[in-house]
Amino acid sequence: MSDCLFCKIAAGDIPSKKVYEDEQVYAFYDIDPQAPTHFLVIPKVHITSCGEITAVNSAVVAHCFEVISRVARELGMESFRVVSNCGAQAGQTVGHLHFHVLSGRDMTWPPG
């Protein structure tokens, strides 16, 4: 999608601090971190939110979680939280599926 911020980041049109990249997924540090370690994992293909995951695109979502696990191990994260906000009321501010990975501090429950 030509006007999507995260599509532009994944394409390299907007700079970011890359954590990981392959042909399907891009991961980068959040510009407004909410924990000592806070990065985002996004599929390079445009999917608006979790509400648009289907049998056709779910393999890339599974791959996102494989990447989350791999990067967490590589960064030595013993525990972490994965969050995806779906829709404006849930706090989604960029209309591209993304997973926040947060670590390095105690997480409270319930969130938000």
PDB file of N, CA and C in Angstrom:
ATOM      1  N   MET A   1       0.862  -1.174   0.000  1.00  0.00           N
ATOM      2  CA  MET A   1       0.000   0.000   0.000  1.00  0.00           C
ATOM      3  C   MET A   1       0.903   1.230   0.000  1.00  0.00           C
ATOM      4  N   SER A   2       0.721   2.107  -0.941  1.00  0.00           N
ATOM      5  CA  SER A   2       1.659   3.203  -1.191  1.00  0.00           C
ATOM      6  C   SER A   2       1.715   4.258  -0.084  1.00  0.00           C
ATOM      7  N   ASP A   3       0.652   4.438   0.689  1.00  0.00           N
ATOM      8  CA  ASP A   3       0.666   5.466   1.721  1.00  0.00           C
ATOM      9  C   ASP A   3       0.840   4.897   3.136  1.00  0.00           C
ATOM     10  N   CYS A   4       1.158   3.628   3.248  1.00  0.00           N
ATOM     11  CA  CYS A   4       1.301   2.979   4.549  1.00  0.00           C
ATOM     12  C   CYS A   4       2.700   3.210   5.120  1.00  0.00           C
ATOM     13  N   LEU A   5       2.763   3.758   6.334  1.00  0.00           N
ATOM     14  CA  LEU A   5       4.031   4.036   6.994  1.00  0.00           C
ATOM     15  C   LEU A   5       4.899   2.788   7.115  1.00  0.00           C
ATOM     16  N   PHE A   6       4.321   1.678   7.569  1.00  0.00           N
ATOM     17  CA  PHE A   6       5.128   0.479   7.779  1.00  0.00           C
ATOM     18  C   PHE A   6       5.539  -0.177   6.458  1.00  0.00           C
ATOM     19  N   CYS A   7       4.727  -0.063   5.426  1.00  0.00           N
ATOM     20  CA  CYS A   7       5.146  -0.549   4.096  1.00  0.00           C
ATOM     21  C   CYS A   7       6.372   0.241   3.638  1.00  0.00           C
ATOM     22  N   LYS A   8       6.370   1.548   3.893  1.00  0.00           N
ATOM     23  CA  LYS A   8       7.507   2.395   3.505  1.00  0.00           C
ATOM     24  C   LYS A   8       8.749   2.055   4.321  1.00  0.00           C
ATOM     25  N   ILE A   9       8.580   1.758   5.602  1.00  0.00           N
ATOM     26  CA  ILE A   9       9.715   1.354   6.431  1.00  0.00           C
ATOM     27  C   ILE A   9      10.279   0.024   5.937  1.00  0.00           C
ATOM     28  N   ALA A  10       9.418  -0.938   5.683  1.00  0.00           N
ATOM     29  CA  ALA A  10       9.872  -2.253   5.204  1.00  0.00           C
ATOM     30  C   ALA A  10      10.579  -2.157   3.859  1.00  0.00           C
ATOM     31  N   ALA A  11      10.152  -1.211   3.024  1.00  0.00           N
ATOM     32  CA  ALA A  11      10.770  -1.023   1.710  1.00  0.00           C
ATOM     33  C   ALA A  11      12.077  -0.236   1.782  1.00  0.00           C
ATOM     34  N   GLY A  12      12.376   0.332   2.943  1.00  0.00           N
ATOM     35  CA  GLY A  12      13.588   1.131   3.101  1.00  0.00           C
ATOM     36  C   GLY A  12      13.431   2.583   2.707  1.00  0.00           C
ATOM     37  N   ASP A  13      12.200   3.000   2.431  1.00  0.00           N
ATOM     38  CA  ASP A  13      11.947   4.390   2.050  1.00  0.00           C
ATOM     39  C   ASP A  13      11.986   5.339   3.248  1.00  0.00           C
ATOM     40  N   ILE A  14      11.726   4.805   4.425  1.00  0.00           N
ATOM     41  CA  ILE A  14      11.798   5.571   5.674  1.00  0.00           C
ATOM     42  C   ILE A  14      12.804   4.845   6.558  1.00  0.00           C
ATOM     43  N   PRO A  15      13.776   5.569   7.109  1.00  0.00           N
ATOM     44  CA  PRO A  15      14.800   4.905   7.927  1.00  0.00           C
ATOM     45  C   PRO A  15      14.243   4.321   9.226  1.00  0.00           C
ATOM     46  N   SER A  16      14.868   3.246   9.656  1.00  0.00           N
ATOM     47  CA  SER A  16      14.527   2.611  10.928  1.00  0.00           C
ATOM     48  C   SER A  16      15.767   1.898  11.442  1.00  0.00           C
ATOM     49  N   LYS A  17      15.720   1.514  12.698  1.00  0.00           N
ATOM     50  CA  LYS A  17      16.825   0.766  13.290  1.00  0.00           C
ATOM     51  C   LYS A  17      16.461  -0.721  13.212  1.00  0.00           C
ATOM     52  N   LYS A  18      16.974  -1.375  12.185  1.00  0.00           N
ATOM     53  CA  LYS A  18      16.608  -2.755  11.880  1.00  0.00           C
ATOM     54  C   LYS A  18      17.126  -3.723  12.935  1.00  0.00           C
ATOM     55  N   VAL A  19      16.254  -4.677  13.277  1.00  0.00           N
ATOM     56  CA  VAL A  19      16.594  -5.777  14.172  1.00  0.00           C
ATOM     57  C   VAL A  19      16.785  -7.052  13.365  1.00  0.00           C
ATOM     58  N   TYR A  20      15.921  -7.246  12.341  1.00  0.00           N
ATOM     59  CA  TYR A  20      15.920  -8.477  11.554  1.00  0.00           C
ATOM     60  C   TYR A  20      15.188  -8.200  10.243  1.00  0.00           C
ATOM     61  N   GLU A  21      15.601  -8.917   9.201  1.00  0.00           N
ATOM     62  CA  GLU A  21      14.888  -8.822   7.925  1.00  0.00           C
ATOM     63  C   GLU A  21      15.100 -10.098   7.135  1.00  0.00           C
ATOM     64  N   ASP A  22      14.042 -10.563   6.495  1.00  0.00           N
ATOM     65  CA  ASP A  22      14.132 -11.621   5.492  1.00  0.00           C
ATOM     66  C   ASP A  22      13.136 -11.270   4.384  1.00  0.00           C
ATOM     67  N   GLU A  23      12.849 -12.204   3.508  1.00  0.00           N
ATOM     68  CA  GLU A  23      11.987 -11.892   2.364  1.00  0.00           C
ATOM     69  C   GLU A  23      10.532 -11.633   2.752  1.00  0.00           C
ATOM     70  N   GLN A  24      10.104 -12.098   3.936  1.00  0.00           N
ATOM     71  CA  GLN A  24       8.702 -11.961   4.337  1.00  0.00           C
ATOM     72  C   GLN A  24       8.444 -10.974   5.465  1.00  0.00           C
ATOM     73  N   VAL A  25       9.455 -10.741   6.288  1.00  0.00           N
ATOM     74  CA  VAL A  25       9.254 -10.038   7.551  1.00  0.00           C
ATOM     75  C   VAL A  25      10.336  -8.982   7.753  1.00  0.00           C
ATOM     76  N   TYR A  26       9.952  -7.904   8.430  1.00  0.00           N
ATOM     77  CA  TYR A  26      10.901  -6.867   8.824  1.00  0.00           C
ATOM     78  C   TYR A  26      10.677  -6.573  10.302  1.00  0.00           C
ATOM     79  N   ALA A  27      11.754  -6.456  11.072  1.00  0.00           N
ATOM     80  CA  ALA A  27      11.663  -6.120  12.496  1.00  0.00           C
ATOM     81  C   ALA A  27      12.560  -4.928  12.770  1.00  0.00           C
ATOM     82  N   PHE A  28      12.070  -4.002  13.594  1.00  0.00           N
ATOM     83  CA  PHE A  28      12.811  -2.778  13.884  1.00  0.00           C
ATOM     84  C   PHE A  28      12.438  -2.254  15.256  1.00  0.00           C
ATOM     85  N   TYR A  29      13.356  -1.481  15.849  1.00  0.00           N
ATOM     86  CA  TYR A  29      13.111  -0.922  17.168  1.00  0.00           C
ATOM     87  C   TYR A  29      12.049   0.176  17.109  1.00  0.00           C
ATOM     88  N   ASP A  30      11.187   0.195  18.111  1.00  0.00           N
ATOM     89  CA  ASP A  30      10.134   1.199  18.218  1.00  0.00           C
ATOM     90  C   ASP A  30      10.758   2.571  18.486  1.00  0.00           C
ATOM     91  N   ILE A  31      10.227   3.603  17.844  1.00  0.00           N
ATOM     92  CA  ILE A  31      10.783   4.951  18.046  1.00  0.00           C
ATOM     93  C   ILE A  31      10.343   5.571  19.376  1.00  0.00           C
ATOM     94  N   ASP A  32       9.332   4.982  20.014  1.00  0.00           N
ATOM     95  CA  ASP A  32       8.855   5.447  21.314  1.00  0.00           C
ATOM     96  C   ASP A  32       8.762   4.239  22.254  1.00  0.00           C
ATOM     97  N   PRO A  33       9.918   3.699  22.664  1.00  0.00           N
ATOM     98  CA  PRO A  33       9.906   2.436  23.410  1.00  0.00           C
ATOM     99  C   PRO A  33       9.170   2.531  24.741  1.00  0.00           C
ATOM    100  N   GLN A  34       8.410   1.478  25.027  1.00  0.00           N
ATOM    101  CA  GLN A  34       7.651   1.384  26.274  1.00  0.00           C
ATOM    102  C   GLN A  34       8.291   0.408  27.256  1.00  0.00           C
ATOM    103  N   ALA A  35       9.454  -0.108  26.915  1.00  0.00           N
ATOM    104  CA  ALA A  35      10.215  -1.022  27.762  1.00  0.00           C
ATOM    105  C   ALA A  35      11.672  -0.905  27.334  1.00  0.00           C
ATOM    106  N   PRO A  36      12.612  -1.369  28.171  1.00  0.00           N
ATOM    107  CA  PRO A  36      14.023  -1.293  27.782  1.00  0.00           C
ATOM    108  C   PRO A  36      14.323  -1.934  26.424  1.00  0.00           C
ATOM    109  N   THR A  37      13.666  -3.034  26.125  1.00  0.00           N
ATOM    110  CA  THR A  37      13.731  -3.609  24.784  1.00  0.00           C
ATOM    111  C   THR A  37      12.329  -3.556  24.204  1.00  0.00           C
ATOM    112  N   HIS A  38      12.177  -2.916  23.065  1.00  0.00           N
ATOM    113  CA  HIS A  38      10.868  -2.779  22.413  1.00  0.00           C
ATOM    114  C   HIS A  38      11.084  -2.692  20.918  1.00  0.00           C
ATOM    115  N   PHE A  39      10.720  -3.770  20.235  1.00  0.00           N
ATOM    116  CA  PHE A  39      10.804  -3.757  18.777  1.00  0.00           C
ATOM    117  C   PHE A  39       9.496  -4.233  18.175  1.00  0.00           C
ATOM    118  N   LEU A  40       9.317  -3.938  16.903  1.00  0.00           N
ATOM    119  CA  LEU A  40       8.121  -4.324  16.159  1.00  0.00           C
ATOM    120  C   LEU A  40       8.498  -5.348  15.116  1.00  0.00           C
ATOM    121  N   VAL A  41       7.603  -6.285  14.879  1.00  0.00           N
ATOM    122  CA  VAL A  41       7.767  -7.255  13.802  1.00  0.00           C
ATOM    123  C   VAL A  41       6.567  -7.092  12.879  1.00  0.00           C
ATOM    124  N   ILE A  42       6.841  -6.882  11.587  1.00  0.00           N
ATOM    125  CA  ILE A  42       5.761  -6.669  10.617  1.00  0.00           C
ATOM    126  C   ILE A  42       5.946  -7.592   9.419  1.00  0.00           C
ATOM    127  N   PRO A  43       4.832  -8.033   8.831  1.00  0.00           N
ATOM    128  CA  PRO A  43       4.952  -8.721   7.550  1.00  0.00           C
ATOM    129  C   PRO A  43       5.206  -7.673   6.464  1.00  0.00           C
ATOM    130  N   LYS A  44       5.999  -8.024   5.466  1.00  0.00           N
ATOM    131  CA  LYS A  44       6.234  -7.069   4.375  1.00  0.00           C
ATOM    132  C   LYS A  44       4.997  -6.899   3.509  1.00  0.00           C
ATOM    133  N   VAL A  45       4.187  -7.938   3.415  1.00  0.00           N
ATOM    134  CA  VAL A  45       2.930  -7.828   2.688  1.00  0.00           C
ATOM    135  C   VAL A  45       1.960  -7.032   3.559  1.00  0.00           C
ATOM    136  N   HIS A  46       1.177  -6.170   2.947  1.00  0.00           N
ATOM    137  CA  HIS A  46       0.256  -5.327   3.718  1.00  0.00           C
ATOM    138  C   HIS A  46      -0.957  -6.134   4.173  1.00  0.00           C
ATOM    139  N   ILE A  47      -1.090  -6.247   5.488  1.00  0.00           N
ATOM    140  CA  ILE A  47      -2.279  -6.785   6.148  1.00  0.00           C
ATOM    141  C   ILE A  47      -2.641  -5.707   7.168  1.00  0.00           C
ATOM    142  N   THR A  48      -3.869  -5.252   7.165  1.00  0.00           N
ATOM    143  CA  THR A  48      -4.237  -4.110   7.996  1.00  0.00           C
ATOM    144  C   THR A  48      -4.178  -4.400   9.495  1.00  0.00           C
ATOM    145  N   SER A  49      -4.684  -5.544   9.924  1.00  0.00           N
ATOM    146  CA  SER A  49      -4.685  -5.878  11.349  1.00  0.00           C
ATOM    147  C   SER A  49      -4.952  -7.370  11.509  1.00  0.00           C
ATOM    148  N   CYS A  50      -5.002  -7.831  12.757  1.00  0.00           N
ATOM    149  CA  CYS A  50      -5.332  -9.237  13.028  1.00  0.00           C
ATOM    150  C   CYS A  50      -6.705  -9.601  12.472  1.00  0.00           C
ATOM    151  N   GLY A  51      -7.564  -8.615  12.348  1.00  0.00           N
ATOM    152  CA  GLY A  51      -8.896  -8.845  11.808  1.00  0.00           C
ATOM    153  C   GLY A  51      -8.910  -9.216  10.336  1.00  0.00           C
ATOM    154  N   GLU A  52      -7.781  -9.105   9.659  1.00  0.00           N
ATOM    155  CA  GLU A  52      -7.695  -9.457   8.240  1.00  0.00           C
ATOM    156  C   GLU A  52      -6.838 -10.692   7.981  1.00  0.00           C
ATOM    157  N   ILE A  53      -6.516 -11.448   9.022  1.00  0.00           N
ATOM    158  CA  ILE A  53      -5.759 -12.684   8.829  1.00  0.00           C
ATOM    159  C   ILE A  53      -6.705 -13.749   8.287  1.00  0.00           C
ATOM    160  N   THR A  54      -6.252 -14.413   7.228  1.00  0.00           N
ATOM    161  CA  THR A  54      -7.055 -15.444   6.568  1.00  0.00           C
ATOM    162  C   THR A  54      -6.184 -16.675   6.301  1.00  0.00           C
ATOM    163  N   ALA A  55      -6.805 -17.703   5.765  1.00  0.00           N
ATOM    164  CA  ALA A  55      -6.052 -18.902   5.381  1.00  0.00           C
ATOM    165  C   ALA A  55      -5.020 -18.575   4.300  1.00  0.00           C
ATOM    166  N   VAL A  56      -5.283 -17.550   3.510  1.00  0.00           N
ATOM    167  CA  VAL A  56      -4.374 -17.168   2.428  1.00  0.00           C
ATOM    168  C   VAL A  56      -3.105 -16.492   2.965  1.00  0.00           C
ATOM    169  N   ASN A  57      -3.218 -15.685   4.027  1.00  0.00           N
ATOM    170  CA  ASN A  57      -2.056 -14.934   4.506  1.00  0.00           C
ATOM    171  C   ASN A  57      -1.541 -15.369   5.879  1.00  0.00           C
ATOM    172  N   SER A  58      -2.122 -16.397   6.460  1.00  0.00           N
ATOM    173  CA  SER A  58      -1.743 -16.778   7.828  1.00  0.00           C
ATOM    174  C   SER A  58      -0.334 -17.353   7.936  1.00  0.00           C
ATOM    175  N   ALA A  59       0.225 -17.878   6.867  1.00  0.00           N
ATOM    176  CA  ALA A  59       1.590 -18.417   6.929  1.00  0.00           C
ATOM    177  C   ALA A  59       2.599 -17.315   7.260  1.00  0.00           C
ATOM    178  N   VAL A  60       2.407 -16.117   6.738  1.00  0.00           N
ATOM    179  CA  VAL A  60       3.333 -15.019   7.038  1.00  0.00           C
ATOM    180  C   VAL A  60       3.181 -14.577   8.493  1.00  0.00           C
ATOM    181  N   VAL A  61       1.987 -14.703   9.038  1.00  0.00           N
ATOM    182  CA  VAL A  61       1.769 -14.363  10.447  1.00  0.00           C
ATOM    183  C   VAL A  61       2.494 -15.384  11.330  1.00  0.00           C
ATOM    184  N   ALA A  62       2.394 -16.650  10.985  1.00  0.00           N
ATOM    185  CA  ALA A  62       3.135 -17.681  11.719  1.00  0.00           C
ATOM    186  C   ALA A  62       4.638 -17.406  11.641  1.00  0.00           C
ATOM    187  N   HIS A  63       5.093 -16.970  10.482  1.00  0.00           N
ATOM    188  CA  HIS A  63       6.516 -16.652  10.320  1.00  0.00           C
ATOM    189  C   HIS A  63       6.909 -15.465  11.201  1.00  0.00           C
ATOM    190  N   CYS A  64       6.014 -14.498  11.367  1.00  0.00           N
ATOM    191  CA  CYS A  64       6.285 -13.375  12.282  1.00  0.00           C
ATOM    192  C   CYS A  64       6.600 -13.908  13.676  1.00  0.00           C
ATOM    193  N   PHE A  65       5.834 -14.888  14.142  1.00  0.00           N
ATOM    194  CA  PHE A  65       6.065 -15.438  15.469  1.00  0.00           C
ATOM    195  C   PHE A  65       7.349 -16.264  15.529  1.00  0.00           C
ATOM    196  N   GLU A  66       7.714 -16.910  14.441  1.00  0.00           N
ATOM    197  CA  GLU A  66       9.008 -17.603  14.395  1.00  0.00           C
ATOM    198  C   GLU A  66      10.140 -16.579  14.541  1.00  0.00           C
ATOM    199  N   VAL A  67       9.991 -15.447  13.881  1.00  0.00           N
ATOM    200  CA  VAL A  67      10.999 -14.380  13.963  1.00  0.00           C
ATOM    201  C   VAL A  67      11.041 -13.801  15.370  1.00  0.00           C
ATOM    202  N   ILE A  68       9.887 -13.588  15.989  1.00  0.00           N
ATOM    203  CA  ILE A  68       9.852 -13.081  17.360  1.00  0.00           C
ATOM    204  C   ILE A  68      10.643 -14.011  18.270  1.00  0.00           C
ATOM    205  N   SER A  69      10.409 -15.297  18.163  1.00  0.00           N
ATOM    206  CA  SER A  69      11.113 -16.273  18.992  1.00  0.00           C
ATOM    207  C   SER A  69      12.611 -16.243  18.737  1.00  0.00           C
ATOM    208  N   ARG A  70      12.995 -16.210  17.478  1.00  0.00           N
ATOM    209  CA  ARG A  70      14.412 -16.204  17.110  1.00  0.00           C
ATOM    210  C   ARG A  70      15.122 -14.956  17.641  1.00  0.00           C
ATOM    211  N   VAL A  71      14.531 -13.786  17.390  1.00  0.00           N
ATOM    212  CA  VAL A  71      15.159 -12.528  17.805  1.00  0.00           C
ATOM    213  C   VAL A  71      15.221 -12.446  19.332  1.00  0.00           C
ATOM    214  N   ALA A  72      14.165 -12.886  20.008  1.00  0.00           N
ATOM    215  CA  ALA A  72      14.166 -12.868  21.478  1.00  0.00           C
ATOM    216  C   ALA A  72      15.324 -13.711  22.012  1.00  0.00           C
ATOM    217  N   ARG A  73      15.538 -14.883  21.431  1.00  0.00           N
ATOM    218  CA  ARG A  73      16.670 -15.719  21.849  1.00  0.00           C
ATOM    219  C   ARG A  73      17.993 -15.025  21.576  1.00  0.00           C
ATOM    220  N   GLU A  74      18.128 -14.455  20.375  1.00  0.00           N
ATOM    221  CA  GLU A  74      19.379 -13.790  19.993  1.00  0.00           C
ATOM    222  C   GLU A  74      19.690 -12.602  20.902  1.00  0.00           C
ATOM    223  N   LEU A  75      18.663 -11.910  21.377  1.00  0.00           N
ATOM    224  CA  LEU A  75      18.851 -10.757  22.251  1.00  0.00           C
ATOM    225  C   LEU A  75      18.949 -11.159  23.727  1.00  0.00           C
ATOM    226  N   GLY A  76      18.836 -12.452  24.005  1.00  0.00           N
ATOM    227  CA  GLY A  76      18.948 -12.935  25.379  1.00  0.00           C
ATOM    228  C   GLY A  76      17.757 -12.597  26.248  1.00  0.00           C
ATOM    229  N   MET A  77      16.608 -12.446  25.637  1.00  0.00           N
ATOM    230  CA  MET A  77      15.397 -12.102  26.384  1.00  0.00           C
ATOM    231  C   MET A  77      14.859 -13.358  27.075  1.00  0.00           C
ATOM    232  N   GLU A  78      14.825 -13.348  28.416  1.00  0.00           N
ATOM    233  CA  GLU A  78      14.321 -14.496  29.161  1.00  0.00           C
ATOM    234  C   GLU A  78      12.793 -14.532  29.182  1.00  0.00           C
ATOM    235  N   SER A  79      12.183 -13.358  29.178  1.00  0.00           N
ATOM    236  CA  SER A  79      10.730 -13.274  29.108  1.00  0.00           C
ATOM    237  C   SER A  79      10.376 -12.010  28.338  1.00  0.00           C
ATOM    238  N   PHE A  80       9.211 -12.034  27.734  1.00  0.00           N
ATOM    239  CA  PHE A  80       8.797 -10.890  26.929  1.00  0.00           C
ATOM    240  C   PHE A  80       7.297 -10.930  26.724  1.00  0.00           C
ATOM    241  N   ARG A  81       6.749  -9.796  26.294  1.00  0.00           N
ATOM    242  CA  ARG A  81       5.330  -9.687  25.973  1.00  0.00           C
ATOM    243  C   ARG A  81       5.202  -9.357  24.492  1.00  0.00           C
ATOM    244  N   VAL A  82       4.219  -9.979  23.843  1.00  0.00           N
ATOM    245  CA  VAL A  82       3.900  -9.700  22.443  1.00  0.00           C
ATOM    246  C   VAL A  82       2.498  -9.106  22.413  1.00  0.00           C
ATOM    247  N   VAL A  83       2.362  -7.940  21.763  1.00  0.00           N
ATOM    248  CA  VAL A  83       1.085  -7.236  21.718  1.00  0.00           C
ATOM    249  C   VAL A  83       0.773  -6.839  20.280  1.00  0.00           C
ATOM    250  N   SER A  84      -0.486  -7.024  19.888  1.00  0.00           N
ATOM    251  CA  SER A  84      -0.956  -6.493  18.610  1.00  0.00           C
ATOM    252  C   SER A  84      -2.286  -5.791  18.857  1.00  0.00           C
ATOM    253  N   ASN A  85      -2.320  -4.494  18.604  1.00  0.00           N
ATOM    254  CA  ASN A  85      -3.544  -3.712  18.750  1.00  0.00           C
ATOM    255  C   ASN A  85      -4.323  -3.794  17.444  1.00  0.00           C
ATOM    256  N   CYS A  86      -5.611  -4.104  17.551  1.00  0.00           N
ATOM    257  CA  CYS A  86      -6.441  -4.289  16.356  1.00  0.00           C
ATOM    258  C   CYS A  86      -7.589  -3.296  16.373  1.00  0.00           C
ATOM    259  N   GLY A  87      -7.449  -2.223  15.614  1.00  0.00           N
ATOM    260  CA  GLY A  87      -8.475  -1.203  15.532  1.00  0.00           C
ATOM    261  C   GLY A  87      -8.198  -0.027  16.449  1.00  0.00           C
ATOM    262  N   ALA A  88      -8.819   1.088  16.144  1.00  0.00           N
ATOM    263  CA  ALA A  88      -8.562   2.346  16.853  1.00  0.00           C
ATOM    264  C   ALA A  88      -8.875   2.269  18.346  1.00  0.00           C
ATOM    265  N   GLN A  89      -9.976   1.651  18.716  1.00  0.00           N
ATOM    266  CA  GLN A  89     -10.332   1.582  20.130  1.00  0.00           C
ATOM    267  C   GLN A  89      -9.322   0.759  20.927  1.00  0.00           C
ATOM    268  N   ALA A  90      -8.657  -0.180  20.267  1.00  0.00           N
ATOM    269  CA  ALA A  90      -7.632  -1.001  20.925  1.00  0.00           C
ATOM    270  C   ALA A  90      -6.271  -0.307  20.946  1.00  0.00           C
ATOM    271  N   GLY A  91      -6.163   0.833  20.272  1.00  0.00           N
ATOM    272  CA  GLY A  91      -4.917   1.589  20.284  1.00  0.00           C
ATOM    273  C   GLY A  91      -4.064   1.442  19.038  1.00  0.00           C
ATOM    274  N   GLN A  92      -4.593   0.823  17.988  1.00  0.00           N
ATOM    275  CA  GLN A  92      -3.817   0.696  16.746  1.00  0.00           C
ATOM    276  C   GLN A  92      -3.728   2.058  16.070  1.00  0.00           C
ATOM    277  N   THR A  93      -2.497   2.543  15.865  1.00  0.00           N
ATOM    278  CA  THR A  93      -2.310   3.856  15.249  1.00  0.00           C
ATOM    279  C   THR A  93      -1.756   3.770  13.832  1.00  0.00           C
ATOM    280  N   VAL A  94      -1.214   2.615  13.449  1.00  0.00           N
ATOM    281  CA  VAL A  94      -0.739   2.403  12.080  1.00  0.00           C
ATOM    282  C   VAL A  94      -1.515   1.223  11.525  1.00  0.00           C
ATOM    283  N   GLY A  95      -2.178   1.428  10.386  1.00  0.00           N
ATOM    284  CA  GLY A  95      -3.015   0.404   9.784  1.00  0.00           C
ATOM    285  C   GLY A  95      -2.230  -0.644   9.011  1.00  0.00           C
ATOM    286  N   HIS A  96      -1.306  -1.284   9.688  1.00  0.00           N
ATOM    287  CA  HIS A  96      -0.508  -2.381   9.117  1.00  0.00           C
ATOM    288  C   HIS A  96      -0.252  -3.336  10.278  1.00  0.00           C
ATOM    289  N   LEU A  97      -0.557  -4.601  10.097  1.00  0.00           N
ATOM    290  CA  LEU A  97      -0.363  -5.588  11.145  1.00  0.00           C
ATOM    291  C   LEU A  97       1.054  -5.510  11.691  1.00  0.00           C
ATOM    292  N   HIS A  98       1.157  -5.410  13.003  1.00  0.00           N
ATOM    293  CA  HIS A  98       2.473  -5.380  13.642  1.00  0.00           C
ATOM    294  C   HIS A  98       2.371  -5.938  15.046  1.00  0.00           C
ATOM    295  N   PHE A  99       3.474  -6.515  15.472  1.00  0.00           N
ATOM    296  CA  PHE A  99       3.561  -7.115  16.791  1.00  0.00           C
ATOM    297  C   PHE A  99       4.625  -6.376  17.587  1.00  0.00           C
ATOM    298  N   HIS A 100       4.217  -5.791  18.701  1.00  0.00           N
ATOM    299  CA  HIS A 100       5.150  -5.164  19.627  1.00  0.00           C
ATOM    300  C   HIS A 100       5.761  -6.268  20.473  1.00  0.00           C
ATOM    301  N   VAL A 101       7.070  -6.273  20.618  1.00  0.00           N
ATOM    302  CA  VAL A 101       7.756  -7.217  21.491  1.00  0.00           C
ATOM    303  C   VAL A 101       8.455  -6.375  22.553  1.00  0.00           C
ATOM    304  N   LEU A 102       8.051  -6.576  23.807  1.00  0.00           N
ATOM    305  CA  LEU A 102       8.544  -5.764  24.919  1.00  0.00           C
ATOM    306  C   LEU A 102       9.196  -6.655  25.971  1.00  0.00           C
ATOM    307  N   SER A 103      10.324  -6.175  26.511  1.00  0.00           N
ATOM    308  CA  SER A 103      11.041  -6.944  27.518  1.00  0.00           C
ATOM    309  C   SER A 103      11.922  -6.009  28.331  1.00  0.00           C
ATOM    310  N   GLY A 104      12.430  -6.543  29.447  1.00  0.00           N
ATOM    311  CA  GLY A 104      13.395  -5.803  30.235  1.00  0.00           C
ATOM    312  C   GLY A 104      12.822  -5.088  31.440  1.00  0.00           C
ATOM    313  N   ARG A 105      11.535  -5.265  31.700  1.00  0.00           N
ATOM    314  CA  ARG A 105      10.907  -4.702  32.897  1.00  0.00           C
ATOM    315  C   ARG A 105       9.716  -5.577  33.251  1.00  0.00           C
ATOM    316  N   ASP A 106       9.240  -5.437  34.486  1.00  0.00           N
ATOM    317  CA  ASP A 106       8.036  -6.161  34.889  1.00  0.00           C
ATOM    318  C   ASP A 106       6.844  -5.607  34.119  1.00  0.00           C
ATOM    319  N   MET A 107       6.031  -6.495  33.603  1.00  0.00           N
ATOM    320  CA  MET A 107       4.810  -6.118  32.892  1.00  0.00           C
ATOM    321  C   MET A 107       3.632  -6.262  33.843  1.00  0.00           C
ATOM    322  N   THR A 108       2.728  -5.306  33.827  1.00  0.00           N
ATOM    323  CA  THR A 108       1.556  -5.367  34.694  1.00  0.00           C
ATOM    324  C   THR A 108       0.384  -5.992  33.960  1.00  0.00           C
ATOM    325  N   TRP A 109      -0.604  -6.431  34.744  1.00  0.00           N
ATOM    326  CA  TRP A 109      -1.833  -6.992  34.172  1.00  0.00           C
ATOM    327  C   TRP A 109      -2.981  -6.497  35.027  1.00  0.00           C
ATOM    328  N   PRO A 110      -4.066  -6.034  34.506  1.00  0.00           N
ATOM    329  CA  PRO A 110      -4.303  -5.973  33.058  1.00  0.00           C
ATOM    330  C   PRO A 110      -3.588  -4.787  32.415  1.00  0.00           C
ATOM    331  N   PRO A 111      -3.256  -4.936  31.127  1.00  0.00           N
ATOM    332  CA  PRO A 111      -2.614  -3.825  30.416  1.00  0.00           C
ATOM    333  C   PRO A 111      -3.642  -2.743  30.101  1.00  0.00           C
ATOM    334  N   GLY A 112      -3.151  -1.551  29.788  1.00  0.00           N
ATOM    335  CA  GLY A 112      -3.988  -0.462  29.324  1.00  0.00           C
ATOM    336  C   GLY A 112      -4.972  -0.002  30.323  1.00  0.00           C
TER     337      GLY A 112
END
